[in-house]
Amino acid sequence: MTSEPQLKPYQEKIITLLLKQETLLASLYQTFAQKFPEHEEFWSQLAREEEKHAGWLEQLRAATEKKVVLFNEGRIKTYTMEIFVQGLEEKLNRAKAGGFDARQALACAIDLERCLIEKNVFSLFDGMTDKAGNTMKFLAKETREHQARAEKLYRETAKGPTPQ
């Protein structure tokens, strides 16, 4: 058994940025919950799930240290993650300042979740146990569900109020 660390410094940075990404998404969605009370439960649920995702990523990081999970960053680079996180910070500041209407907030969420799906972030961890593999499947599944739920609400809000 070698004593060399499981993660290289740049891989550790990518995982740290992934954690920050999930935390920022939770904050953004919670801000939308406050700004759009008509959809407060929708946004709060997404925020809670993003917080849960951050916890799962932390568990995956710990699992890499125990060598039960391998991390392979694939095509993801630290600078692209930094740009994505910076964009999330800007969106969060814009949201706090009231810079989104309800439909723009939904479009923003759809776009962000689509980016996460395209990056296929959760396939970067290779679980050597069933538990680790299942965690990654749940993360990917929930990200797809976030996008689908946001798209559904976006379509529903396009219809406008039902006439009395």
N, C-alpha and C. Protein backbone atom coordinates (compact mmCIF):
# COMPACT_ATOMS: atom_id res chain seq x y z
N MET A 1 0.86 -1.19 0.00
CA MET A 1 0.00 0.00 0.00
C MET A 1 0.90 1.24 0.00
N THR A 2 0.64 2.15 -0.86
CA THR A 2 1.45 3.36 -0.96
C THR A 2 0.88 4.45 -0.06
N SER A 3 1.76 5.34 0.39
CA SER A 3 1.30 6.43 1.26
C SER A 3 1.03 7.69 0.47
N GLU A 4 1.18 7.61 -0.83
CA GLU A 4 0.97 8.79 -1.66
C GLU A 4 -0.51 9.19 -1.63
N PRO A 5 -0.78 10.50 -1.60
CA PRO A 5 -2.18 10.94 -1.52
C PRO A 5 -2.97 10.49 -2.74
N GLN A 6 -4.25 10.21 -2.50
CA GLN A 6 -5.12 9.74 -3.57
C GLN A 6 -5.37 10.85 -4.60
N LEU A 7 -5.50 12.08 -4.12
CA LEU A 7 -5.81 13.20 -5.01
C LEU A 7 -4.60 14.08 -5.25
N LYS A 8 -4.44 14.48 -6.49
CA LYS A 8 -3.41 15.46 -6.83
C LYS A 8 -3.95 16.84 -6.45
N PRO A 9 -3.09 17.83 -6.24
CA PRO A 9 -3.57 19.16 -5.81
C PRO A 9 -4.63 19.76 -6.74
N TYR A 10 -4.47 19.61 -8.06
CA TYR A 10 -5.46 20.18 -8.97
C TYR A 10 -6.80 19.43 -8.86
N GLN A 11 -6.74 18.12 -8.57
CA GLN A 11 -7.98 17.36 -8.39
C GLN A 11 -8.70 17.81 -7.12
N GLU A 12 -7.93 18.03 -6.06
CA GLU A 12 -8.49 18.54 -4.81
C GLU A 12 -9.17 19.88 -5.06
N LYS A 13 -8.53 20.73 -5.88
CA LYS A 13 -9.11 22.04 -6.18
C LYS A 13 -10.41 21.89 -6.96
N ILE A 14 -10.45 20.97 -7.90
CA ILE A 14 -11.68 20.74 -8.67
C ILE A 14 -12.80 20.29 -7.74
N ILE A 15 -12.51 19.37 -6.84
CA ILE A 15 -13.56 18.91 -5.92
C ILE A 15 -14.01 20.04 -5.01
N THR A 16 -13.07 20.86 -4.54
CA THR A 16 -13.44 22.03 -3.72
C THR A 16 -14.36 22.96 -4.51
N LEU A 17 -14.05 23.17 -5.78
CA LEU A 17 -14.90 24.02 -6.62
C LEU A 17 -16.26 23.38 -6.88
N LEU A 18 -16.31 22.05 -7.01
CA LEU A 18 -17.59 21.36 -7.18
C LEU A 18 -18.45 21.56 -5.92
N LEU A 19 -17.83 21.47 -4.76
CA LEU A 19 -18.56 21.70 -3.51
C LEU A 19 -19.08 23.14 -3.45
N LYS A 20 -18.24 24.08 -3.83
CA LYS A 20 -18.64 25.48 -3.83
C LYS A 20 -19.80 25.70 -4.81
N GLN A 21 -19.72 25.04 -5.95
CA GLN A 21 -20.78 25.13 -6.95
C GLN A 21 -22.12 24.70 -6.36
N GLU A 22 -22.15 23.57 -5.67
CA GLU A 22 -23.40 23.08 -5.08
C GLU A 22 -23.91 24.03 -4.00
N THR A 23 -23.00 24.56 -3.20
CA THR A 23 -23.38 25.50 -2.14
C THR A 23 -23.94 26.79 -2.73
N LEU A 24 -23.30 27.27 -3.79
CA LEU A 24 -23.80 28.48 -4.46
C LEU A 24 -25.16 28.24 -5.11
N LEU A 25 -25.34 27.08 -5.72
CA LEU A 25 -26.65 26.76 -6.30
C LEU A 25 -27.72 26.76 -5.21
N ALA A 26 -27.41 26.17 -4.06
CA ALA A 26 -28.36 26.16 -2.95
C ALA A 26 -28.70 27.59 -2.53
N SER A 27 -27.70 28.45 -2.44
CA SER A 27 -27.94 29.85 -2.06
C SER A 27 -28.76 30.59 -3.11
N LEU A 28 -28.45 30.34 -4.37
CA LEU A 28 -29.20 30.97 -5.46
C LEU A 28 -30.67 30.55 -5.41
N TYR A 29 -30.90 29.25 -5.26
CA TYR A 29 -32.28 28.75 -5.24
C TYR A 29 -33.02 29.25 -3.99
N GLN A 30 -32.31 29.38 -2.87
CA GLN A 30 -32.96 29.90 -1.67
C GLN A 30 -33.30 31.38 -1.86
N THR A 31 -32.44 32.10 -2.55
CA THR A 31 -32.73 33.52 -2.86
C THR A 31 -33.96 33.61 -3.76
N PHE A 32 -34.05 32.74 -4.75
CA PHE A 32 -35.23 32.71 -5.61
C PHE A 32 -36.49 32.39 -4.78
N ALA A 33 -36.35 31.51 -3.80
CA ALA A 33 -37.50 31.17 -2.93
C ALA A 33 -37.99 32.41 -2.20
N GLN A 34 -37.07 33.25 -1.76
CA GLN A 34 -37.45 34.47 -1.06
C GLN A 34 -38.03 35.51 -2.01
N LYS A 35 -37.49 35.58 -3.21
CA LYS A 35 -37.93 36.59 -4.18
C LYS A 35 -39.25 36.24 -4.86
N PHE A 36 -39.53 34.94 -4.95
CA PHE A 36 -40.73 34.49 -5.67
C PHE A 36 -41.57 33.59 -4.77
N PRO A 37 -42.29 34.19 -3.83
CA PRO A 37 -43.05 33.40 -2.84
C PRO A 37 -44.11 32.49 -3.48
N GLU A 38 -44.55 32.83 -4.68
CA GLU A 38 -45.55 31.98 -5.35
C GLU A 38 -44.97 30.61 -5.71
N HIS A 39 -43.64 30.52 -5.77
CA HIS A 39 -42.97 29.25 -6.06
C HIS A 39 -41.96 28.91 -4.96
N GLU A 40 -42.22 29.38 -3.75
CA GLU A 40 -41.27 29.22 -2.65
C GLU A 40 -40.94 27.76 -2.38
N GLU A 41 -41.94 26.89 -2.37
CA GLU A 41 -41.68 25.48 -2.07
C GLU A 41 -40.81 24.83 -3.15
N PHE A 42 -41.07 25.15 -4.40
CA PHE A 42 -40.26 24.62 -5.51
C PHE A 42 -38.79 24.98 -5.31
N TRP A 43 -38.51 26.27 -5.10
CA TRP A 43 -37.14 26.74 -4.96
C TRP A 43 -36.49 26.20 -3.69
N SER A 44 -37.24 26.18 -2.60
CA SER A 44 -36.68 25.68 -1.33
C SER A 44 -36.30 24.21 -1.45
N GLN A 45 -37.13 23.44 -2.14
CA GLN A 45 -36.83 22.02 -2.34
C GLN A 45 -35.54 21.86 -3.15
N LEU A 46 -35.40 22.63 -4.22
CA LEU A 46 -34.17 22.56 -5.00
C LEU A 46 -32.96 22.94 -4.14
N ALA A 47 -33.11 23.98 -3.33
CA ALA A 47 -32.00 24.42 -2.47
C ALA A 47 -31.61 23.31 -1.49
N ARG A 48 -32.60 22.67 -0.87
CA ARG A 48 -32.30 21.57 0.07
C ARG A 48 -31.57 20.43 -0.64
N GLU A 49 -31.98 20.14 -1.85
CA GLU A 49 -31.34 19.06 -2.59
C GLU A 49 -29.91 19.41 -2.98
N GLU A 50 -29.67 20.67 -3.32
CA GLU A 50 -28.30 21.10 -3.63
C GLU A 50 -27.42 21.01 -2.39
N GLU A 51 -27.96 21.35 -1.23
CA GLU A 51 -27.20 21.21 0.02
C GLU A 51 -26.87 19.74 0.27
N LYS A 52 -27.83 18.87 -0.03
CA LYS A 52 -27.61 17.43 0.11
C LYS A 52 -26.51 16.97 -0.85
N HIS A 53 -26.51 17.51 -2.07
CA HIS A 53 -25.49 17.16 -3.05
C HIS A 53 -24.10 17.55 -2.54
N ALA A 54 -24.01 18.73 -1.93
CA ALA A 54 -22.72 19.16 -1.38
C ALA A 54 -22.25 18.17 -0.32
N GLY A 55 -23.16 17.71 0.51
CA GLY A 55 -22.81 16.71 1.51
C GLY A 55 -22.33 15.42 0.89
N TRP A 56 -23.00 15.00 -0.18
CA TRP A 56 -22.58 13.79 -0.86
C TRP A 56 -21.20 13.95 -1.48
N LEU A 57 -20.95 15.12 -2.07
CA LEU A 57 -19.62 15.37 -2.65
C LEU A 57 -18.55 15.32 -1.56
N GLU A 58 -18.86 15.85 -0.40
CA GLU A 58 -17.92 15.80 0.72
C GLU A 58 -17.64 14.34 1.11
N GLN A 59 -18.69 13.52 1.11
CA GLN A 59 -18.50 12.10 1.41
C GLN A 59 -17.65 11.42 0.34
N LEU A 60 -17.87 11.80 -0.92
CA LEU A 60 -17.07 11.22 -2.00
C LEU A 60 -15.60 11.64 -1.87
N ARG A 61 -15.38 12.89 -1.47
CA ARG A 61 -14.00 13.35 -1.26
C ARG A 61 -13.35 12.50 -0.16
N ALA A 62 -14.07 12.31 0.93
CA ALA A 62 -13.54 11.50 2.03
C ALA A 62 -13.28 10.07 1.57
N ALA A 63 -14.17 9.56 0.72
CA ALA A 63 -14.01 8.19 0.22
C ALA A 63 -12.78 8.06 -0.67
N THR A 64 -12.40 9.14 -1.37
CA THR A 64 -11.18 9.07 -2.19
C THR A 64 -9.97 8.96 -1.27
N GLU A 65 -10.02 9.63 -0.12
CA GLU A 65 -8.91 9.55 0.82
C GLU A 65 -8.79 8.15 1.41
N LYS A 66 -9.92 7.47 1.54
CA LYS A 66 -9.91 6.08 2.05
C LYS A 66 -9.66 5.08 0.93
N LYS A 67 -9.55 5.59 -0.27
CA LYS A 67 -9.26 4.78 -1.46
C LYS A 67 -10.38 3.79 -1.80
N VAL A 68 -11.63 4.18 -1.50
CA VAL A 68 -12.77 3.36 -1.94
C VAL A 68 -13.44 4.01 -3.15
N VAL A 69 -13.02 5.22 -3.48
CA VAL A 69 -13.51 5.92 -4.66
C VAL A 69 -12.30 6.55 -5.35
N LEU A 70 -12.29 6.47 -6.66
CA LEU A 70 -11.26 7.14 -7.45
C LEU A 70 -11.88 8.37 -8.09
N PHE A 71 -11.10 9.42 -8.21
CA PHE A 71 -11.57 10.64 -8.86
C PHE A 71 -10.76 10.83 -10.13
N ASN A 72 -11.49 10.94 -11.25
CA ASN A 72 -10.87 11.20 -12.54
C ASN A 72 -11.58 12.40 -13.13
N GLU A 73 -10.90 13.52 -13.16
CA GLU A 73 -11.53 14.78 -13.56
C GLU A 73 -11.91 14.84 -15.03
N GLY A 74 -11.45 13.88 -15.82
CA GLY A 74 -11.83 13.87 -17.24
C GLY A 74 -11.42 15.16 -17.92
N ARG A 75 -12.37 15.77 -18.60
CA ARG A 75 -12.07 17.00 -19.36
C ARG A 75 -12.22 18.25 -18.52
N ILE A 76 -12.66 18.12 -17.28
CA ILE A 76 -12.87 19.31 -16.44
C ILE A 76 -11.53 19.86 -15.98
N LYS A 77 -11.37 21.15 -16.17
CA LYS A 77 -10.14 21.84 -15.78
C LYS A 77 -10.47 22.83 -14.66
N THR A 78 -9.47 23.12 -13.84
CA THR A 78 -9.71 24.04 -12.72
C THR A 78 -10.19 25.40 -13.23
N TYR A 79 -9.60 25.91 -14.31
CA TYR A 79 -9.98 27.24 -14.77
C TYR A 79 -11.43 27.28 -15.27
N THR A 80 -11.91 26.19 -15.88
CA THR A 80 -13.31 26.21 -16.34
C THR A 80 -14.25 26.14 -15.13
N MET A 81 -13.85 25.39 -14.11
CA MET A 81 -14.67 25.34 -12.89
C MET A 81 -14.68 26.71 -12.20
N GLU A 82 -13.52 27.37 -12.19
CA GLU A 82 -13.45 28.71 -11.57
C GLU A 82 -14.37 29.69 -12.30
N ILE A 83 -14.39 29.62 -13.61
CA ILE A 83 -15.26 30.50 -14.40
C ILE A 83 -16.72 30.19 -14.11
N PHE A 84 -17.08 28.91 -14.03
CA PHE A 84 -18.46 28.53 -13.74
C PHE A 84 -18.87 29.02 -12.35
N VAL A 85 -18.01 28.83 -11.37
CA VAL A 85 -18.30 29.27 -9.99
C VAL A 85 -18.42 30.80 -9.95
N GLN A 86 -17.55 31.49 -10.66
CA GLN A 86 -17.63 32.95 -10.71
C GLN A 86 -18.97 33.39 -11.32
N GLY A 87 -19.40 32.70 -12.37
CA GLY A 87 -20.69 33.00 -12.98
C GLY A 87 -21.84 32.77 -12.01
N LEU A 88 -21.74 31.71 -11.21
CA LEU A 88 -22.76 31.46 -10.19
C LEU A 88 -22.79 32.58 -9.14
N GLU A 89 -21.62 33.02 -8.73
CA GLU A 89 -21.55 34.13 -7.77
C GLU A 89 -22.21 35.38 -8.34
N GLU A 90 -21.97 35.66 -9.61
CA GLU A 90 -22.58 36.82 -10.26
C GLU A 90 -24.10 36.67 -10.33
N LYS A 91 -24.57 35.47 -10.66
CA LYS A 91 -26.02 35.23 -10.71
C LYS A 91 -26.64 35.39 -9.31
N LEU A 92 -25.95 34.91 -8.30
CA LEU A 92 -26.45 35.04 -6.93
C LEU A 92 -26.54 36.52 -6.54
N ASN A 93 -25.53 37.30 -6.85
CA ASN A 93 -25.56 38.73 -6.55
C ASN A 93 -26.69 39.42 -7.32
N ARG A 94 -26.85 39.05 -8.58
CA ARG A 94 -27.93 39.61 -9.40
C ARG A 94 -29.29 39.25 -8.80
N ALA A 95 -29.44 38.00 -8.36
CA ALA A 95 -30.71 37.56 -7.77
C ALA A 95 -31.00 38.33 -6.49
N LYS A 96 -29.99 38.50 -5.66
CA LYS A 96 -30.18 39.24 -4.39
C LYS A 96 -30.59 40.69 -4.66
N ALA A 97 -30.11 41.24 -5.78
CA ALA A 97 -30.43 42.62 -6.14
C ALA A 97 -31.76 42.73 -6.88
N GLY A 98 -32.47 41.60 -7.06
CA GLY A 98 -33.75 41.63 -7.74
C GLY A 98 -33.63 41.67 -9.25
N GLY A 99 -32.54 41.15 -9.78
CA GLY A 99 -32.28 41.22 -11.22
C GLY A 99 -32.91 40.14 -12.07
N PHE A 100 -33.75 39.29 -11.46
CA PHE A 100 -34.45 38.24 -12.21
C PHE A 100 -35.95 38.37 -11.97
N ASP A 101 -36.75 38.15 -13.03
CA ASP A 101 -38.17 37.94 -12.78
C ASP A 101 -38.35 36.43 -12.63
N ALA A 102 -39.57 36.01 -12.33
CA ALA A 102 -39.81 34.60 -12.02
C ALA A 102 -39.43 33.67 -13.18
N ARG A 103 -39.77 34.06 -14.38
CA ARG A 103 -39.46 33.20 -15.54
C ARG A 103 -37.96 33.21 -15.85
N GLN A 104 -37.32 34.34 -15.67
CA GLN A 104 -35.87 34.38 -15.88
C GLN A 104 -35.15 33.49 -14.86
N ALA A 105 -35.65 33.45 -13.64
CA ALA A 105 -35.07 32.59 -12.61
C ALA A 105 -35.19 31.13 -13.03
N LEU A 106 -36.35 30.76 -13.55
CA LEU A 106 -36.54 29.38 -14.01
C LEU A 106 -35.62 29.07 -15.19
N ALA A 107 -35.51 29.99 -16.13
CA ALA A 107 -34.63 29.78 -17.27
C ALA A 107 -33.18 29.64 -16.81
N CYS A 108 -32.81 30.43 -15.83
CA CYS A 108 -31.46 30.36 -15.26
C CYS A 108 -31.22 28.97 -14.66
N ALA A 109 -32.18 28.48 -13.88
CA ALA A 109 -32.04 27.15 -13.25
C ALA A 109 -31.94 26.06 -14.31
N ILE A 110 -32.77 26.15 -15.34
CA ILE A 110 -32.73 25.15 -16.41
C ILE A 110 -31.35 25.13 -17.05
N ASP A 111 -30.82 26.31 -17.34
CA ASP A 111 -29.51 26.42 -17.97
C ASP A 111 -28.41 25.87 -17.07
N LEU A 112 -28.45 26.21 -15.79
CA LEU A 112 -27.42 25.74 -14.87
C LEU A 112 -27.46 24.23 -14.71
N GLU A 113 -28.64 23.68 -14.54
CA GLU A 113 -28.76 22.23 -14.38
C GLU A 113 -28.33 21.51 -15.66
N ARG A 114 -28.65 22.09 -16.80
CA ARG A 114 -28.23 21.50 -18.09
C ARG A 114 -26.70 21.48 -18.18
N CYS A 115 -26.07 22.55 -17.73
CA CYS A 115 -24.59 22.60 -17.72
C CYS A 115 -24.02 21.49 -16.84
N LEU A 116 -24.63 21.27 -15.70
CA LEU A 116 -24.15 20.22 -14.80
C LEU A 116 -24.30 18.85 -15.44
N ILE A 117 -25.41 18.65 -16.14
CA ILE A 117 -25.64 17.37 -16.81
C ILE A 117 -24.59 17.18 -17.91
N GLU A 118 -24.34 18.25 -18.68
CA GLU A 118 -23.37 18.15 -19.77
C GLU A 118 -21.96 17.90 -19.26
N LYS A 119 -21.62 18.51 -18.11
CA LYS A 119 -20.30 18.27 -17.53
C LYS A 119 -20.21 16.85 -16.98
N ASN A 120 -21.37 16.26 -16.70
CA ASN A 120 -21.42 14.90 -16.18
C ASN A 120 -20.53 14.75 -14.95
N VAL A 121 -20.63 15.76 -14.07
CA VAL A 121 -19.77 15.87 -12.92
C VAL A 121 -19.71 14.60 -12.08
N PHE A 122 -20.85 13.99 -11.87
CA PHE A 122 -20.89 12.91 -10.91
C PHE A 122 -20.36 11.59 -11.47
N SER A 123 -20.06 11.56 -12.74
CA SER A 123 -19.44 10.36 -13.29
C SER A 123 -17.92 10.42 -13.13
N LEU A 124 -17.43 11.51 -12.57
CA LEU A 124 -15.99 11.67 -12.40
C LEU A 124 -15.45 10.83 -11.25
N PHE A 125 -16.35 10.40 -10.39
CA PHE A 125 -15.97 9.56 -9.27
C PHE A 125 -16.26 8.11 -9.65
N ASP A 126 -15.26 7.27 -9.49
CA ASP A 126 -15.42 5.86 -9.82
C ASP A 126 -15.51 5.09 -8.52
N GLY A 127 -16.73 4.67 -8.19
CA GLY A 127 -16.96 3.98 -6.93
C GLY A 127 -16.47 2.54 -6.97
N MET A 128 -15.71 2.19 -5.96
CA MET A 128 -15.23 0.83 -5.86
C MET A 128 -16.12 0.02 -4.93
N THR A 129 -17.19 0.67 -4.44
CA THR A 129 -18.18 -0.03 -3.62
C THR A 129 -19.55 0.29 -4.20
N ASP A 130 -20.54 -0.54 -3.90
CA ASP A 130 -21.90 -0.28 -4.36
C ASP A 130 -22.43 1.03 -3.80
N LYS A 131 -22.14 1.31 -2.53
CA LYS A 131 -22.63 2.54 -1.89
C LYS A 131 -22.12 3.77 -2.62
N ALA A 132 -20.84 3.79 -2.94
CA ALA A 132 -20.26 4.94 -3.65
C ALA A 132 -20.87 5.07 -5.05
N GLY A 133 -21.01 3.96 -5.73
CA GLY A 133 -21.61 3.98 -7.07
C GLY A 133 -23.04 4.47 -7.04
N ASN A 134 -23.80 4.04 -6.03
CA ASN A 134 -25.20 4.47 -5.91
C ASN A 134 -25.29 5.96 -5.61
N THR A 135 -24.40 6.48 -4.79
CA THR A 135 -24.39 7.91 -4.49
C THR A 135 -24.25 8.71 -5.77
N MET A 136 -23.33 8.30 -6.63
CA MET A 136 -23.11 9.03 -7.87
C MET A 136 -24.31 8.93 -8.81
N LYS A 137 -24.96 7.78 -8.82
CA LYS A 137 -26.16 7.63 -9.65
C LYS A 137 -27.28 8.55 -9.15
N PHE A 138 -27.45 8.64 -7.82
CA PHE A 138 -28.47 9.53 -7.25
C PHE A 138 -28.19 10.98 -7.60
N LEU A 139 -26.92 11.39 -7.52
CA LEU A 139 -26.57 12.78 -7.84
C LEU A 139 -26.91 13.10 -9.29
N ALA A 140 -26.55 12.23 -10.19
CA ALA A 140 -26.84 12.46 -11.61
C ALA A 140 -28.35 12.48 -11.85
N LYS A 141 -29.06 11.56 -11.22
CA LYS A 141 -30.51 11.47 -11.39
C LYS A 141 -31.20 12.74 -10.87
N GLU A 142 -30.79 13.21 -9.70
CA GLU A 142 -31.43 14.40 -9.14
C GLU A 142 -31.14 15.63 -9.97
N THR A 143 -29.96 15.73 -10.55
CA THR A 143 -29.64 16.87 -11.41
C THR A 143 -30.57 16.87 -12.63
N ARG A 144 -30.78 15.70 -13.23
CA ARG A 144 -31.71 15.62 -14.37
C ARG A 144 -33.13 15.98 -13.92
N GLU A 145 -33.51 15.54 -12.73
CA GLU A 145 -34.86 15.85 -12.22
C GLU A 145 -35.01 17.35 -11.95
N HIS A 146 -33.97 18.01 -11.47
CA HIS A 146 -34.03 19.46 -11.25
C HIS A 146 -34.33 20.17 -12.56
N GLN A 147 -33.62 19.79 -13.59
CA GLN A 147 -33.83 20.41 -14.89
C GLN A 147 -35.26 20.16 -15.36
N ALA A 148 -35.74 18.93 -15.25
CA ALA A 148 -37.08 18.59 -15.71
C ALA A 148 -38.15 19.35 -14.92
N ARG A 149 -37.98 19.45 -13.61
CA ARG A 149 -38.98 20.17 -12.80
C ARG A 149 -38.98 21.65 -13.12
N ALA A 150 -37.80 22.23 -13.34
CA ALA A 150 -37.73 23.64 -13.70
C ALA A 150 -38.35 23.88 -15.08
N GLU A 151 -38.10 22.98 -16.01
CA GLU A 151 -38.70 23.11 -17.35
C GLU A 151 -40.22 23.01 -17.27
N LYS A 152 -40.73 22.09 -16.46
CA LYS A 152 -42.18 21.93 -16.30
C LYS A 152 -42.81 23.20 -15.75
N LEU A 153 -42.22 23.75 -14.70
CA LEU A 153 -42.75 24.98 -14.11
C LEU A 153 -42.63 26.14 -15.09
N TYR A 154 -41.56 26.17 -15.85
CA TYR A 154 -41.38 27.22 -16.86
C TYR A 154 -42.52 27.16 -17.88
N ARG A 155 -42.83 25.96 -18.35
CA ARG A 155 -43.93 25.80 -19.32
C ARG A 155 -45.26 26.22 -18.69
N GLU A 156 -45.47 25.80 -17.44
CA GLU A 156 -46.73 26.13 -16.77
C GLU A 156 -46.88 27.64 -16.58
N THR A 157 -45.80 28.34 -16.27
CA THR A 157 -45.90 29.78 -16.06
C THR A 157 -46.07 30.53 -17.37
N ALA A 158 -45.73 29.91 -18.48
CA ALA A 158 -45.91 30.56 -19.80
C ALA A 158 -47.37 30.69 -20.14
N LYS A 159 -48.18 29.80 -19.59
CA LYS A 159 -49.60 29.79 -19.90
C LYS A 159 -50.33 30.95 -19.24
N GLY A 160 -49.77 31.46 -18.15
CA GLY A 160 -50.43 32.55 -17.45
C GLY A 160 -51.57 32.03 -16.59
N PRO A 161 -52.23 32.94 -15.88
CA PRO A 161 -53.32 32.51 -15.00
C PRO A 161 -54.51 31.98 -15.79
N THR A 162 -55.17 31.03 -15.19
CA THR A 162 -56.36 30.45 -15.81
C THR A 162 -57.53 31.42 -15.62
N PRO A 163 -58.31 31.71 -16.70
CA PRO A 163 -59.45 32.62 -16.58
C PRO A 163 -60.50 32.03 -15.63
N GLN A 164 -61.15 32.92 -14.90
CA GLN A 164 -62.19 32.49 -13.94
C GLN A 164 -63.49 32.15 -14.62
